[in-house]
N, C-alpha and C. Protein backbone atom coordinates (compact mmCIF):
# COMPACT_ATOMS: atom_id res chain seq x y z
N TYR A 1 28.90 30.49 -50.58
CA TYR A 1 27.71 30.91 -51.29
C TYR A 1 27.27 32.27 -50.77
N SER A 2 26.50 32.94 -51.57
CA SER A 2 26.03 34.26 -51.17
C SER A 2 24.70 34.15 -50.43
N VAL A 3 24.23 35.29 -50.00
CA VAL A 3 22.95 35.36 -49.28
C VAL A 3 21.95 36.07 -50.18
N GLU A 4 20.75 35.53 -50.24
CA GLU A 4 19.68 36.09 -51.06
C GLU A 4 18.52 36.49 -50.17
N GLU A 5 17.73 37.44 -50.66
CA GLU A 5 16.49 37.78 -49.98
C GLU A 5 15.36 37.16 -50.78
N TYR A 6 14.56 36.34 -50.11
CA TYR A 6 13.48 35.61 -50.77
C TYR A 6 12.27 35.64 -49.86
N GLU A 7 11.17 36.17 -50.38
CA GLU A 7 9.92 36.30 -49.62
C GLU A 7 10.14 37.01 -48.30
N GLY A 8 10.97 38.05 -48.33
CA GLY A 8 11.21 38.87 -47.14
C GLY A 8 12.20 38.30 -46.14
N ASN A 9 12.79 37.17 -46.44
CA ASN A 9 13.75 36.54 -45.53
C ASN A 9 15.10 36.40 -46.22
N LYS A 10 16.17 36.50 -45.44
CA LYS A 10 17.51 36.26 -45.97
C LYS A 10 17.85 34.79 -45.81
N THR A 11 18.37 34.21 -46.87
CA THR A 11 18.74 32.80 -46.87
C THR A 11 19.95 32.61 -47.78
N SER A 12 20.69 31.55 -47.57
CA SER A 12 21.84 31.29 -48.44
C SER A 12 21.35 30.90 -49.83
N SER A 13 22.15 31.20 -50.83
CA SER A 13 21.79 30.84 -52.20
C SER A 13 21.57 29.34 -52.34
N PHE A 14 22.41 28.56 -51.67
CA PHE A 14 22.29 27.12 -51.74
C PHE A 14 20.97 26.64 -51.15
N GLN A 15 20.60 27.16 -49.99
CA GLN A 15 19.33 26.78 -49.36
C GLN A 15 18.15 27.20 -50.22
N LEU A 16 18.25 28.38 -50.84
CA LEU A 16 17.19 28.85 -51.73
C LEU A 16 17.06 27.92 -52.93
N ALA A 17 18.18 27.52 -53.50
CA ALA A 17 18.15 26.60 -54.64
C ALA A 17 17.49 25.28 -54.25
N LEU A 18 17.82 24.76 -53.08
CA LEU A 18 17.19 23.52 -52.61
C LEU A 18 15.69 23.70 -52.41
N ARG A 19 15.29 24.87 -51.95
CA ARG A 19 13.88 25.13 -51.69
C ARG A 19 13.07 25.21 -52.98
N ILE A 20 13.61 25.88 -54.01
CA ILE A 20 12.82 26.08 -55.23
C ILE A 20 13.04 24.99 -56.28
N ALA A 21 14.04 24.15 -56.12
CA ALA A 21 14.33 23.11 -57.12
C ALA A 21 13.12 22.23 -57.44
N PRO A 22 12.34 21.79 -56.46
CA PRO A 22 11.19 20.94 -56.79
C PRO A 22 10.11 21.66 -57.61
N GLU A 23 10.16 22.98 -57.63
CA GLU A 23 9.13 23.76 -58.32
C GLU A 23 9.44 24.00 -59.79
N ILE A 24 10.66 23.68 -60.23
CA ILE A 24 11.03 23.95 -61.62
C ILE A 24 11.53 22.68 -62.29
N ASP A 25 11.52 22.69 -63.61
CA ASP A 25 11.99 21.55 -64.38
C ASP A 25 13.49 21.68 -64.60
N LEU A 26 14.28 21.01 -63.79
CA LEU A 26 15.73 21.13 -63.87
C LEU A 26 16.31 20.49 -65.13
N GLN A 27 15.56 19.60 -65.77
CA GLN A 27 16.05 18.97 -67.00
C GLN A 27 16.34 20.00 -68.08
N THR A 28 15.60 21.10 -68.08
CA THR A 28 15.81 22.12 -69.11
C THR A 28 17.16 22.81 -68.95
N LEU A 29 17.78 22.72 -67.78
CA LEU A 29 19.07 23.36 -67.55
C LEU A 29 20.24 22.54 -68.07
N VAL A 30 20.01 21.24 -68.24
CA VAL A 30 21.07 20.35 -68.70
C VAL A 30 20.96 20.19 -70.21
N GLY A 31 22.04 20.46 -70.88
CA GLY A 31 22.07 20.34 -72.33
C GLY A 31 22.29 18.90 -72.75
N PRO A 32 22.71 18.71 -73.97
CA PRO A 32 22.91 17.36 -74.47
C PRO A 32 24.07 16.65 -73.78
N SER A 33 24.05 15.33 -73.84
CA SER A 33 25.18 14.55 -73.32
C SER A 33 26.00 14.04 -74.50
N TYR A 34 27.29 13.89 -74.26
CA TYR A 34 28.22 13.49 -75.31
C TYR A 34 29.09 12.36 -74.82
N PRO A 35 29.43 11.42 -75.72
CA PRO A 35 30.45 10.43 -75.35
C PRO A 35 31.79 11.15 -75.25
N LEU A 36 32.69 10.62 -74.46
CA LEU A 36 33.97 11.28 -74.22
C LEU A 36 34.74 11.54 -75.51
N GLU A 37 34.63 10.65 -76.47
CA GLU A 37 35.38 10.86 -77.72
C GLU A 37 34.84 12.04 -78.54
N SER A 38 33.68 12.56 -78.18
CA SER A 38 33.12 13.74 -78.85
C SER A 38 33.37 15.00 -78.04
N TYR A 39 34.50 15.03 -77.34
CA TYR A 39 34.78 16.15 -76.44
C TYR A 39 34.83 17.49 -77.16
N LYS A 40 35.26 17.53 -78.42
CA LYS A 40 35.31 18.81 -79.14
C LYS A 40 33.91 19.37 -79.35
N GLN A 41 32.97 18.52 -79.71
CA GLN A 41 31.58 18.96 -79.85
C GLN A 41 31.02 19.40 -78.50
N ALA A 42 31.36 18.67 -77.45
CA ALA A 42 30.87 19.01 -76.11
C ALA A 42 31.39 20.37 -75.67
N ILE A 43 32.65 20.64 -75.94
CA ILE A 43 33.22 21.94 -75.56
C ILE A 43 32.56 23.05 -76.36
N ALA A 44 32.33 22.83 -77.64
CA ALA A 44 31.64 23.84 -78.46
C ALA A 44 30.23 24.09 -77.92
N ALA A 45 29.55 23.02 -77.53
CA ALA A 45 28.20 23.17 -76.97
C ALA A 45 28.25 23.92 -75.64
N ALA A 46 29.25 23.63 -74.82
CA ALA A 46 29.38 24.31 -73.53
C ALA A 46 29.63 25.80 -73.72
N ARG A 47 30.39 26.15 -74.74
CA ARG A 47 30.68 27.57 -74.99
C ARG A 47 29.42 28.33 -75.38
N SER A 48 28.45 27.67 -75.99
CA SER A 48 27.22 28.34 -76.39
C SER A 48 26.04 27.95 -75.51
N ALA A 49 26.32 27.30 -74.39
CA ALA A 49 25.24 26.77 -73.54
C ALA A 49 24.28 27.86 -73.08
N GLY A 50 24.79 29.00 -72.67
CA GLY A 50 23.92 30.08 -72.21
C GLY A 50 22.98 30.57 -73.29
N ARG A 51 23.49 30.67 -74.51
CA ARG A 51 22.65 31.12 -75.63
C ARG A 51 21.60 30.07 -75.97
N GLU A 52 21.91 28.82 -75.70
CA GLU A 52 20.97 27.73 -75.98
C GLU A 52 19.97 27.52 -74.84
N GLY A 53 20.19 28.21 -73.72
CA GLY A 53 19.30 28.07 -72.58
C GLY A 53 19.70 26.98 -71.60
N HIS A 54 20.87 26.39 -71.81
CA HIS A 54 21.35 25.34 -70.91
C HIS A 54 22.45 25.88 -70.01
N VAL A 55 22.63 25.22 -68.90
CA VAL A 55 23.69 25.59 -67.97
C VAL A 55 24.83 24.58 -68.01
N LYS A 56 24.50 23.33 -68.23
CA LYS A 56 25.50 22.26 -68.18
C LYS A 56 25.47 21.41 -69.45
N VAL A 57 26.64 20.92 -69.82
CA VAL A 57 26.79 19.92 -70.87
C VAL A 57 27.39 18.70 -70.18
N VAL A 58 26.92 17.52 -70.53
CA VAL A 58 27.27 16.31 -69.79
C VAL A 58 28.04 15.33 -70.67
N PHE A 59 29.07 14.72 -70.08
CA PHE A 59 29.77 13.60 -70.73
C PHE A 59 29.14 12.31 -70.24
N ASP A 60 28.82 11.44 -71.17
CA ASP A 60 28.29 10.12 -70.84
C ASP A 60 29.40 9.10 -71.08
N HIS A 61 29.97 8.59 -70.02
CA HIS A 61 31.10 7.67 -70.13
C HIS A 61 30.68 6.20 -70.10
N ARG A 62 29.39 5.95 -70.18
CA ARG A 62 28.90 4.56 -70.10
C ARG A 62 29.14 3.77 -71.38
N SER A 63 29.29 4.44 -72.50
CA SER A 63 29.42 3.69 -73.77
C SER A 63 30.84 3.29 -74.06
């Protein structure tokens, strides 16, 4: 991981993410979930995830 400067201190990106995670709504970063058999739709969604404001697309294998 890289090193970031935050509030005048240098810290690892991972530690910074752990520090600020409780302050933001992480649910907004995760896009829709798809059953495995809908993998083509999931891949299409993942390709446009940044434009949609999501970072991750999730497979739900429970069904």
